C-alpha atoms as a PDB file:
ATOM      1  CA  MET A   1      14.436 -76.851 137.640  1.00  0.00           C
ATOM      2  CA  SER A   2      15.757 -73.747 135.879  1.00  0.00           C
ATOM      3  CA  THR A   3      16.629 -73.545 132.215  1.00  0.00           C
ATOM      4  CA  LEU A   4      20.195 -72.924 131.081  1.00  0.00           C
ATOM      5  CA  ILE A   5      20.873 -70.983 127.901  1.00  0.00           C
ATOM      6  CA  PHE A   6      24.414 -71.365 126.572  1.00  0.00           C
ATOM      7  CA  ASP A   7      26.506 -70.201 123.634  1.00  0.00           C
ATOM      8  CA  ILE A   8      30.150 -70.275 122.594  1.00  0.00           C
ATOM      9  CA  GLU A   9      32.536 -68.197 120.503  1.00  0.00           C
ATOM     10  CA  THR A  10      35.503 -69.778 118.747  1.00  0.00           C
ATOM     11  CA  VAL A  11      38.634 -68.793 116.832  1.00  0.00           C
ATOM     12  CA  GLY A  12      40.726 -70.789 114.390  1.00  0.00           C
ATOM     13  CA  GLU A  13      44.401 -71.549 114.256  1.00  0.00           C
ATOM     14  CA  ASP A  14      46.672 -69.616 111.925  1.00  0.00           C
ATOM     15  CA  PHE A  15      46.626 -71.671 108.725  1.00  0.00           C
ATOM     16  CA  ASP A  16      50.117 -70.551 107.727  1.00  0.00           C
ATOM     17  CA  SER A  17      51.558 -71.929 110.977  1.00  0.00           C
ATOM     18  CA  LEU A  18      50.262 -75.455 110.329  1.00  0.00           C
ATOM     19  CA  ASP A  19      52.547 -78.258 109.204  1.00  0.00           C
ATOM     20  CA  GLU A  20      52.709 -78.995 105.486  1.00  0.00           C
ATOM     21  CA  THR A  21      50.690 -82.217 105.727  1.00  0.00           C
ATOM     22  CA  SER A  22      47.821 -80.514 107.551  1.00  0.00           C
ATOM     23  CA  GLN A  23      47.773 -77.671 105.036  1.00  0.00           C
ATOM     24  CA  ASP A  24      47.666 -80.181 102.197  1.00  0.00           C
ATOM     25  CA  VAL A  25      44.787 -82.134 103.775  1.00  0.00           C
ATOM     26  CA  LEU A  26      42.780 -78.963 104.316  1.00  0.00           C
ATOM     27  CA  THR A  27      43.338 -77.574 100.817  1.00  0.00           C
ATOM     28  CA  ARG A  28      43.061 -80.809  98.820  1.00  0.00           C
ATOM     29  CA  TRP A  29      39.411 -80.329  97.922  1.00  0.00           C
ATOM     30  CA  ILE A  30      39.789 -76.699  96.829  1.00  0.00           C
ATOM     31  CA  LYS A  31      42.757 -77.608  94.654  1.00  0.00           C
ATOM     32  CA  LYS A  32      40.578 -80.187  92.894  1.00  0.00           C
ATOM     33  CA  GLU A  33      37.507 -77.977  92.540  1.00  0.00           C
ATOM     34  CA  SER A  34      39.063 -74.608  91.726  1.00  0.00           C
ATOM     35  CA  GLU A  35      38.826 -73.769  88.036  1.00  0.00           C
ATOM     36  CA  SER A  36      41.396 -70.970  88.113  1.00  0.00           C
ATOM     37  CA  GLY A  37      44.069 -69.378  90.260  1.00  0.00           C
ATOM     38  CA  GLU A  38      41.610 -66.666  91.222  1.00  0.00           C
ATOM     39  CA  SER A  39      38.963 -69.114  92.425  1.00  0.00           C
ATOM     40  CA  TYR A  40      41.621 -71.027  94.392  1.00  0.00           C
ATOM     41  CA  THR A  41      42.771 -67.832  96.107  1.00  0.00           C
ATOM     42  CA  THR A  42      39.176 -66.980  97.039  1.00  0.00           C
ATOM     43  CA  ALA A  43      38.506 -70.490  98.356  1.00  0.00           C
ATOM     44  CA  LEU A  44      41.763 -70.479 100.322  1.00  0.00           C
ATOM     45  CA  GLY A  45      40.797 -67.191 101.939  1.00  0.00           C
ATOM     46  CA  ASP A  46      37.432 -68.647 102.948  1.00  0.00           C
ATOM     47  CA  LEU A  47      39.204 -71.699 104.361  1.00  0.00           C
ATOM     48  CA  LYS A  48      41.587 -69.597 106.454  1.00  0.00           C
ATOM     49  CA  ASN A  49      38.711 -67.484 107.771  1.00  0.00           C
ATOM     50  CA  GLY A  50      36.697 -70.598 108.620  1.00  0.00           C
ATOM     51  CA  MET A  51      39.297 -72.431 110.698  1.00  0.00           C
ATOM     52  CA  GLY A  52      37.332 -71.612 113.838  1.00  0.00           C
ATOM     53  CA  PHE A  53      34.271 -73.557 112.694  1.00  0.00           C
ATOM     54  CA  SER A  54      35.900 -76.934 113.388  1.00  0.00           C
ATOM     55  CA  PRO A  55      37.077 -78.226 116.791  1.00  0.00           C
ATOM     56  CA  LEU A  56      39.980 -79.830 114.906  1.00  0.00           C
ATOM     57  CA  THR A  57      41.390 -76.471 113.793  1.00  0.00           C
ATOM     58  CA  GLY A  58      39.786 -74.076 116.262  1.00  0.00           C
ATOM     59  CA  SER A  59      39.343 -73.524 119.970  1.00  0.00           C
ATOM     60  CA  ILE A  60      36.761 -72.027 122.298  1.00  0.00           C
ATOM     61  CA  ILE A  61      37.470 -68.522 123.550  1.00  0.00           C
ATOM     62  CA  THR A  62      34.185 -67.885 125.375  1.00  0.00           C
ATOM     63  CA  ILE A  63      31.493 -70.017 126.952  1.00  0.00           C
ATOM     64  CA  GLY A  64      28.446 -68.056 128.055  1.00  0.00           C
ATOM     65  CA  MET A  65      25.621 -69.320 130.265  1.00  0.00           C
ATOM     66  CA  TYR A  66      22.427 -67.630 131.364  1.00  0.00           C
ATOM     67  CA  ASP A  67      19.809 -68.795 133.857  1.00  0.00           C
ATOM     68  CA  GLY A  68      16.670 -67.092 132.574  1.00  0.00           C
ATOM     69  CA  GLU A  69      14.481 -67.791 135.591  1.00  0.00           C
ATOM     70  CA  ARG A  70      17.053 -66.351 137.989  1.00  0.00           C
ATOM     71  CA  GLY A  71      18.135 -63.590 135.634  1.00  0.00           C
ATOM     72  CA  ARG A  72      21.814 -64.277 136.231  1.00  0.00           C
ATOM     73  CA  GLY A  73      24.601 -65.390 133.950  1.00  0.00           C
ATOM     74  CA  ALA A  74      28.322 -66.028 133.578  1.00  0.00           C
ATOM     75  CA  VAL A  75      30.725 -65.772 130.678  1.00  0.00           C
ATOM     76  CA  TYR A  76      34.046 -67.582 130.817  1.00  0.00           C
ATOM     77  CA  TYR A  77      36.596 -66.176 128.407  1.00  0.00           C
ATOM     78  CA  GLN A  78      40.206 -66.426 127.344  1.00  0.00           C
ATOM     79  CA  SER A  79      42.505 -63.428 127.362  1.00  0.00           C
ATOM     80  CA  SER A  80      43.799 -62.334 123.993  1.00  0.00           C
ATOM     81  CA  PRO A  81      47.400 -63.354 123.259  1.00  0.00           C
ATOM     82  CA  GLY A  82      49.841 -61.207 125.227  1.00  0.00           C
ATOM     83  CA  ARG A  83      47.158 -59.833 127.549  1.00  0.00           C
ATOM     84  CA  GLU A  84      46.109 -60.597 131.108  1.00  0.00           C
ATOM     85  CA  ASP A  85      42.459 -59.672 131.379  1.00  0.00           C
ATOM     86  CA  LYS A  86      40.701 -59.412 134.736  1.00  0.00           C
ATOM     87  CA  ASN A  87      37.440 -60.801 136.047  1.00  0.00           C
ATOM     88  CA  PHE A  88      34.612 -58.275 136.159  1.00  0.00           C
ATOM     89  CA  GLU A  89      30.865 -57.967 136.603  1.00  0.00           C
ATOM     90  CA  GLU A  90      28.521 -56.122 134.272  1.00  0.00           C
ATOM     91  CA  ASP A  91      24.739 -56.051 134.046  1.00  0.00           C
ATOM     92  CA  VAL A  92      23.613 -59.522 135.238  1.00  0.00           C
ATOM     93  CA  TYR A  93      26.816 -61.325 134.237  1.00  0.00           C
ATOM     94  CA  LYS A  94      30.045 -62.381 135.871  1.00  0.00           C
ATOM     95  CA  PHE A  95      32.927 -62.398 133.406  1.00  0.00           C
ATOM     96  CA  GLU A  96      35.732 -64.761 134.408  1.00  0.00           C
ATOM     97  CA  VAL A  97      39.085 -65.280 132.690  1.00  0.00           C
ATOM     98  CA  MET A  98      40.110 -68.910 132.142  1.00  0.00           C
ATOM     99  CA  THR A  99      41.959 -71.245 129.822  1.00  0.00           C
ATOM    100  CA  GLU A 100      39.912 -73.332 127.402  1.00  0.00           C
ATOM    101  CA  GLU A 101      40.356 -76.407 129.594  1.00  0.00           C
ATOM    102  CA  GLU A 102      39.216 -74.551 132.716  1.00  0.00           C
ATOM    103  CA  MET A 103      36.182 -73.194 130.879  1.00  0.00           C
ATOM    104  CA  LEU A 104      35.155 -76.651 129.737  1.00  0.00           C
ATOM    105  CA  ARG A 105      35.526 -78.206 133.194  1.00  0.00           C
ATOM    106  CA  LYS A 106      33.412 -75.476 134.778  1.00  0.00           C
ATOM    107  CA  PHE A 107      30.825 -75.657 132.003  1.00  0.00           C
ATOM    108  CA  TRP A 108      30.203 -79.363 132.507  1.00  0.00           C
ATOM    109  CA  ASP A 109      30.054 -78.861 136.282  1.00  0.00           C
ATOM    110  CA  VAL A 110      27.297 -76.283 135.778  1.00  0.00           C
ATOM    111  CA  VAL A 111      25.467 -78.515 133.273  1.00  0.00           C
ATOM    112  CA  GLU A 112      25.054 -81.197 135.944  1.00  0.00           C
ATOM    113  CA  LYS A 113      22.790 -78.846 137.917  1.00  0.00           C
ATOM    114  CA  TYR A 114      20.251 -78.319 135.103  1.00  0.00           C
ATOM    115  CA  ASP A 115      17.659 -80.415 133.309  1.00  0.00           C
ATOM    116  CA  THR A 116      16.672 -78.167 130.385  1.00  0.00           C
ATOM    117  CA  PHE A 117      19.059 -76.472 127.957  1.00  0.00           C
ATOM    118  CA  VAL A 118      18.392 -73.930 125.214  1.00  0.00           C
ATOM    119  CA  THR A 119      20.573 -72.940 122.279  1.00  0.00           C
ATOM    120  CA  PHE A 120      20.276 -71.444 118.834  1.00  0.00           C
ATOM    121  CA  ASN A 121      21.856 -73.907 116.379  1.00  0.00           C
ATOM    122  CA  GLY A 122      23.540 -75.657 119.294  1.00  0.00           C
ATOM    123  CA  ARG A 123      23.007 -79.159 117.948  1.00  0.00           C
ATOM    124  CA  GLN A 124      24.908 -78.441 114.763  1.00  0.00           C
ATOM    125  CA  PHE A 125      27.655 -76.248 116.186  1.00  0.00           C
ATOM    126  CA  ASP A 126      28.009 -75.475 119.899  1.00  0.00           C
ATOM    127  CA  VAL A 127      27.501 -78.909 121.447  1.00  0.00           C
ATOM    128  CA  PRO A 128      29.601 -80.952 118.987  1.00  0.00           C
ATOM    129  CA  PHE A 129      32.355 -78.344 119.366  1.00  0.00           C
ATOM    130  CA  LEU A 130      32.127 -78.469 123.176  1.00  0.00           C
ATOM    131  CA  MET A 131      32.160 -82.248 123.270  1.00  0.00           C
ATOM    132  CA  VAL A 132      35.121 -82.706 120.915  1.00  0.00           C
ATOM    133  CA  ARG A 133      37.204 -79.983 122.562  1.00  0.00           C
ATOM    134  CA  SER A 134      36.400 -81.538 125.951  1.00  0.00           C
ATOM    135  CA  ALA A 135      37.601 -84.939 124.750  1.00  0.00           C
ATOM    136  CA  ILE A 136      40.804 -83.374 123.416  1.00  0.00           C
ATOM    137  CA  HIS A 137      41.462 -82.030 126.931  1.00  0.00           C
ATOM    138  CA  GLY A 138      40.635 -85.385 128.530  1.00  0.00           C
ATOM    139  CA  ILE A 139      37.295 -84.171 129.910  1.00  0.00           C
ATOM    140  CA  ARG A 140      34.188 -86.349 129.778  1.00  0.00           C
ATOM    141  CA  PRO A 141      30.907 -84.423 129.294  1.00  0.00           C
ATOM    142  CA  THR A 142      28.553 -84.822 132.257  1.00  0.00           C
ATOM    143  CA  LYS A 143      25.450 -85.041 130.041  1.00  0.00           C
ATOM    144  CA  ASN A 144      24.737 -86.000 126.454  1.00  0.00           C
ATOM    145  CA  LEU A 145      23.179 -82.866 124.982  1.00  0.00           C
ATOM    146  CA  LEU A 146      22.956 -84.406 121.508  1.00  0.00           C
ATOM    147  CA  ALA A 147      20.861 -87.464 122.308  1.00  0.00           C
ATOM    148  CA  ASN A 148      17.631 -87.726 120.359  1.00  0.00           C
ATOM    149  CA  ARG A 149      16.908 -84.531 118.521  1.00  0.00           C
ATOM    150  CA  TYR A 150      13.126 -84.651 118.919  1.00  0.00           C
ATOM    151  CA  LEU A 151      11.525 -83.266 122.073  1.00  0.00           C
ATOM    152  CA  ASN A 152       9.227 -86.220 122.702  1.00  0.00           C
ATOM    153  CA  TYR A 153      12.229 -88.495 123.081  1.00  0.00           C
ATOM    154  CA  HIS A 154      14.866 -86.865 125.223  1.00  0.00           C
ATOM    155  CA  PRO A 155      17.088 -88.386 127.910  1.00  0.00           C
ATOM    156  CA  GLN A 156      16.151 -87.742 131.516  1.00  0.00           C
ATOM    157  CA  ASN A 157      17.744 -84.564 132.907  1.00  0.00           C
ATOM    158  CA  ALA A 158      19.116 -83.486 129.510  1.00  0.00           C
ATOM    159  CA  ARG A 159      16.365 -81.853 127.471  1.00  0.00           C
ATOM    160  CA  HIS A 160      18.031 -79.770 124.772  1.00  0.00           C
ATOM    161  CA  ILE A 161      15.794 -77.302 122.962  1.00  0.00           C
ATOM    162  CA  ASP A 162      17.561 -75.989 119.877  1.00  0.00           C
ATOM    163  CA  LEU A 163      15.530 -72.997 118.731  1.00  0.00           C
ATOM    164  CA  TYR A 164      16.963 -73.297 115.232  1.00  0.00           C
ATOM    165  CA  ASP A 165      15.220 -76.668 115.009  1.00  0.00           C
ATOM    166  CA  GLN A 166      12.014 -75.665 116.732  1.00  0.00           C
ATOM    167  CA  LEU A 167      11.357 -72.337 115.030  1.00  0.00           C
ATOM    168  CA  THR A 168      11.957 -73.826 111.574  1.00  0.00           C
ATOM    169  CA  PHE A 169       9.948 -76.982 112.413  1.00  0.00           C
ATOM    170  CA  TYR A 170      13.002 -79.188 112.015  1.00  0.00           C
ATOM    171  CA  GLY A 171      13.970 -77.581 108.729  1.00  0.00           C
ATOM    172  CA  ALA A 172      10.518 -77.516 107.130  1.00  0.00           C
ATOM    173  CA  MET A 173      10.852 -73.782 106.490  1.00  0.00           C
ATOM    174  CA  ARG A 174      12.617 -73.056 103.226  1.00  0.00           C
ATOM    175  CA  LYS A 175      14.449 -70.015 104.623  1.00  0.00           C
ATOM    176  CA  LYS A 176      15.829 -70.794 108.074  1.00  0.00           C
ATOM    177  CA  GLY A 177      17.017 -67.367 109.241  1.00  0.00           C
ATOM    178  CA  SER A 178      19.834 -66.275 111.547  1.00  0.00           C
ATOM    179  CA  LEU A 179      19.425 -65.346 115.205  1.00  0.00           C
ATOM    180  CA  HIS A 180      19.519 -61.697 114.146  1.00  0.00           C
ATOM    181  CA  LEU A 181      16.589 -62.128 111.744  1.00  0.00           C
ATOM    182  CA  TRP A 182      14.530 -64.066 114.283  1.00  0.00           C
ATOM    183  CA  CYS A 183      15.150 -61.343 116.865  1.00  0.00           C
ATOM    184  CA  ARG A 184      14.175 -58.674 114.348  1.00  0.00           C
ATOM    185  CA  ALA A 185      10.915 -60.479 113.548  1.00  0.00           C
ATOM    186  CA  PHE A 186       9.966 -60.776 117.227  1.00  0.00           C
ATOM    187  CA  ASP A 187      11.101 -57.237 118.131  1.00  0.00           C
ATOM    188  CA  ILE A 188      13.938 -58.487 120.351  1.00  0.00           C
ATOM    189  CA  GLU A 189      17.185 -56.530 120.566  1.00  0.00           C
ATOM    190  CA  SER A 190      19.698 -58.314 118.363  1.00  0.00           C
ATOM    191  CA  PRO A 191      23.123 -59.186 119.797  1.00  0.00           C
ATOM    192  CA  LYS A 192      24.470 -57.390 116.714  1.00  0.00           C
ATOM    193  CA  ALA A 193      22.774 -54.128 117.715  1.00  0.00           C
ATOM    194  CA  GLN A 194      26.028 -52.712 119.085  1.00  0.00           C
ATOM    195  CA  GLY A 195      27.887 -53.221 115.827  1.00  0.00           C
ATOM    196  CA  VAL A 196      29.579 -56.566 116.542  1.00  0.00           C
ATOM    197  CA  ASP A 197      28.770 -59.897 114.933  1.00  0.00           C
ATOM    198  CA  GLY A 198      30.313 -63.345 114.724  1.00  0.00           C
ATOM    199  CA  ASP A 199      32.558 -62.365 111.813  1.00  0.00           C
ATOM    200  CA  ASP A 200      34.280 -59.813 114.068  1.00  0.00           C
ATOM    201  CA  VAL A 201      35.204 -62.263 116.827  1.00  0.00           C
ATOM    202  CA  LYS A 202      38.658 -63.295 115.599  1.00  0.00           C
ATOM    203  CA  THR A 203      39.620 -59.731 114.698  1.00  0.00           C
ATOM    204  CA  LEU A 204      38.604 -58.450 118.138  1.00  0.00           C
ATOM    205  CA  PHE A 205      40.368 -61.327 119.876  1.00  0.00           C
ATOM    206  CA  ASP A 206      43.588 -60.793 117.923  1.00  0.00           C
ATOM    207  CA  ARG A 207      43.460 -57.056 118.678  1.00  0.00           C
ATOM    208  CA  GLY A 208      43.361 -57.697 122.417  1.00  0.00           C
ATOM    209  CA  GLN A 209      39.642 -56.988 122.800  1.00  0.00           C
ATOM    210  CA  SER A 210      38.703 -60.343 124.333  1.00  0.00           C
ATOM    211  CA  ALA A 211      36.427 -58.664 126.889  1.00  0.00           C
ATOM    212  CA  ASP A 212      34.389 -57.213 124.007  1.00  0.00           C
ATOM    213  CA  VAL A 213      33.989 -60.717 122.580  1.00  0.00           C
ATOM    214  CA  ALA A 214      32.758 -61.869 125.988  1.00  0.00           C
ATOM    215  CA  ARG A 215      30.236 -59.018 126.091  1.00  0.00           C
ATOM    216  CA  TYR A 216      29.006 -59.957 122.618  1.00  0.00           C
ATOM    217  CA  ASN A 217      28.568 -63.526 123.861  1.00  0.00           C
ATOM    218  CA  SER A 218      26.464 -62.262 126.778  1.00  0.00           C
ATOM    219  CA  ARG A 219      24.153 -60.399 124.377  1.00  0.00           C
ATOM    220  CA  ASP A 220      23.691 -63.613 122.394  1.00  0.00           C
ATOM    221  CA  LEU A 221      22.527 -65.333 125.570  1.00  0.00           C
ATOM    222  CA  LYS A 222      19.993 -62.661 126.466  1.00  0.00           C
ATOM    223  CA  ALA A 223      18.560 -62.583 122.936  1.00  0.00           C
ATOM    224  CA  THR A 224      18.319 -66.384 122.833  1.00  0.00           C
ATOM    225  CA  TYR A 225      16.449 -66.442 126.139  1.00  0.00           C
ATOM    226  CA  GLU A 226      13.946 -63.804 125.002  1.00  0.00           C
ATOM    227  CA  LEU A 227      13.397 -65.706 121.754  1.00  0.00           C
ATOM    228  CA  TYR A 228      12.897 -68.883 123.791  1.00  0.00           C
ATOM    229  CA  ARG A 229      10.149 -67.170 125.801  1.00  0.00           C
ATOM    230  CA  LYS A 230       8.374 -66.257 122.543  1.00  0.00           C
ATOM    231  CA  TYR A 231       8.643 -69.859 121.416  1.00  0.00           C
ATOM    232  CA  VAL A 232       7.224 -71.174 124.712  1.00  0.00           C
ATOM    233  CA  ASP A 233       4.342 -68.685 124.728  1.00  0.00           C
ATOM    234  CA  TYR A 234       3.220 -69.060 121.126  1.00  0.00           C
ATOM    235  CA  LEU A 235       4.735 -72.074 119.355  1.00  0.00           C
ATOM    236  CA  GLN A 236       5.433 -74.819 121.869  1.00  0.00           C
ATOM    237  CA  PHE A 237       2.853 -77.614 121.994  1.00  0.00           C
END
């Protein structure tokens, strides 16, 4: 059975458009911990920029999948507000425009066909985000990709290899490293090589460049697969 690499990109809601109660709940801790007006302003800016890190205040704008053995992939992506993007093909990927709900339904349909899954930091971010957003849309995940973190104890047909766990020996390394740094160390082309990184996603999406976000997502997939091959060849026991 082939291995499926997957990755998501997310954006947050506009903080200023939230109701007063939600704003108060989100800012309560920074009001308590800020020692001055300046520190509060800085913390509030960080909060607004981080709205996309939670499935409660953010949504998925791309889901990318790559079958390494077959050398084929797909990226589902949302159009930027006010735009109607088109499906297209590029390199080994099909890029398809969908709503978040449509993306999630198709993702879980694809997941059913695979036994082994690979991510980079997927256990802490991608999978919880996917599962909660799916539940919000009334979609039940077809497999539990969070069950038992350790490789010797994984559910049948749902082996999830999180390279962030494996390459750092479940956190034993003091400095964990980003995907970019791991790619640099193993001489793999970083997904950031073309001048885009995760911090640019919301800006690109808001500017109408959703297809560029989808392309960035596809580069993440390719880099993760190549890093996975290094792990299998030299570090997997």
